[in-house]
């Protein structure tokens, strides 16, 4: 449905995108993840026709992205873009007019969008009087009003409380059920893990890893991750090395990759004689995968510099 092929972009001497390639299937929620400065915003701007790539192609249903395809893409940016002094209905009418919707088709689209985001009963409410979650839903409705095939959601739940986040998550799932493709950028890894059928991880404009959660787990060859808190970490690491457990740092946390799932009692026995304040067992998550993928690039770059 969306095909991005070998996209490159530089600002002066700074290369922001380097042969970036990925694709979206119809009705798929695809997560584009990466640290700040990875090139996500530049990619979105190129998809929306706001920037020209230096090289590479972007196609929507096998058509190059251009003015002719712009109406097939809807965008809900990180910052809400609507007029607070207008009602929900009036905001949608304004943006529908921009896309050339008129008459009954315009009215039907507005009502459909309000219903799809759960704001039909707030049609006459001023946008500025809506809760944070409702405002995010209004932004998504604006992105949908012209009935696009692809919706780009940039950090859709930033700053929202957990209950409102759940509301937006369900809205995203509904878009997928309606066969609308969703390109999602987020720094909330649990969000991407719950919502996305496939995930692409980029850093410095390069696609480092891509796939479903199942396929991405190959980056962390472990059945589970065990995080421990101990006053003698050096001894714990040495013991883990003896037992063949790889260790990693996640912030201040010391974690071990367990090659198989074991009972808590067995884990405690593995560290017998080492004082343990706490032990936490958890399955391999996107957070573990993301850290491994992004840090591995940094390790390769350091190694290349040392060898050059």
Foldseek 3Di string as FASTA:
>chain_A
DKWWFQFWAADVPATQAGGDTDGFDFLFEEEEEEDPSQNPVVVVCVQLVNDPTPDTFIDDVNHTDDPVQNLQEFEQAPDQDFDQQAFLQVRLLVLCVVVPDDDPLLVVLSCVLCVLLVNNVRRRPGLNPDDPLVSLSSSVSSRCSSPHQEYEYEASCPPHDPVSVVSVLVSSNVCSVVRRYYYYYHPPQVSCLVRGQKYFYGGSNYTQDMGGPVVLCVLQQAFKKKWWDAPCVVLVVVLCVVVVWDWDDDDPIIITGHNDDDDPVVVCVSSPPGDTPDMDIDGDGVSNSNCSRVVVVVVVVVVVVVVD
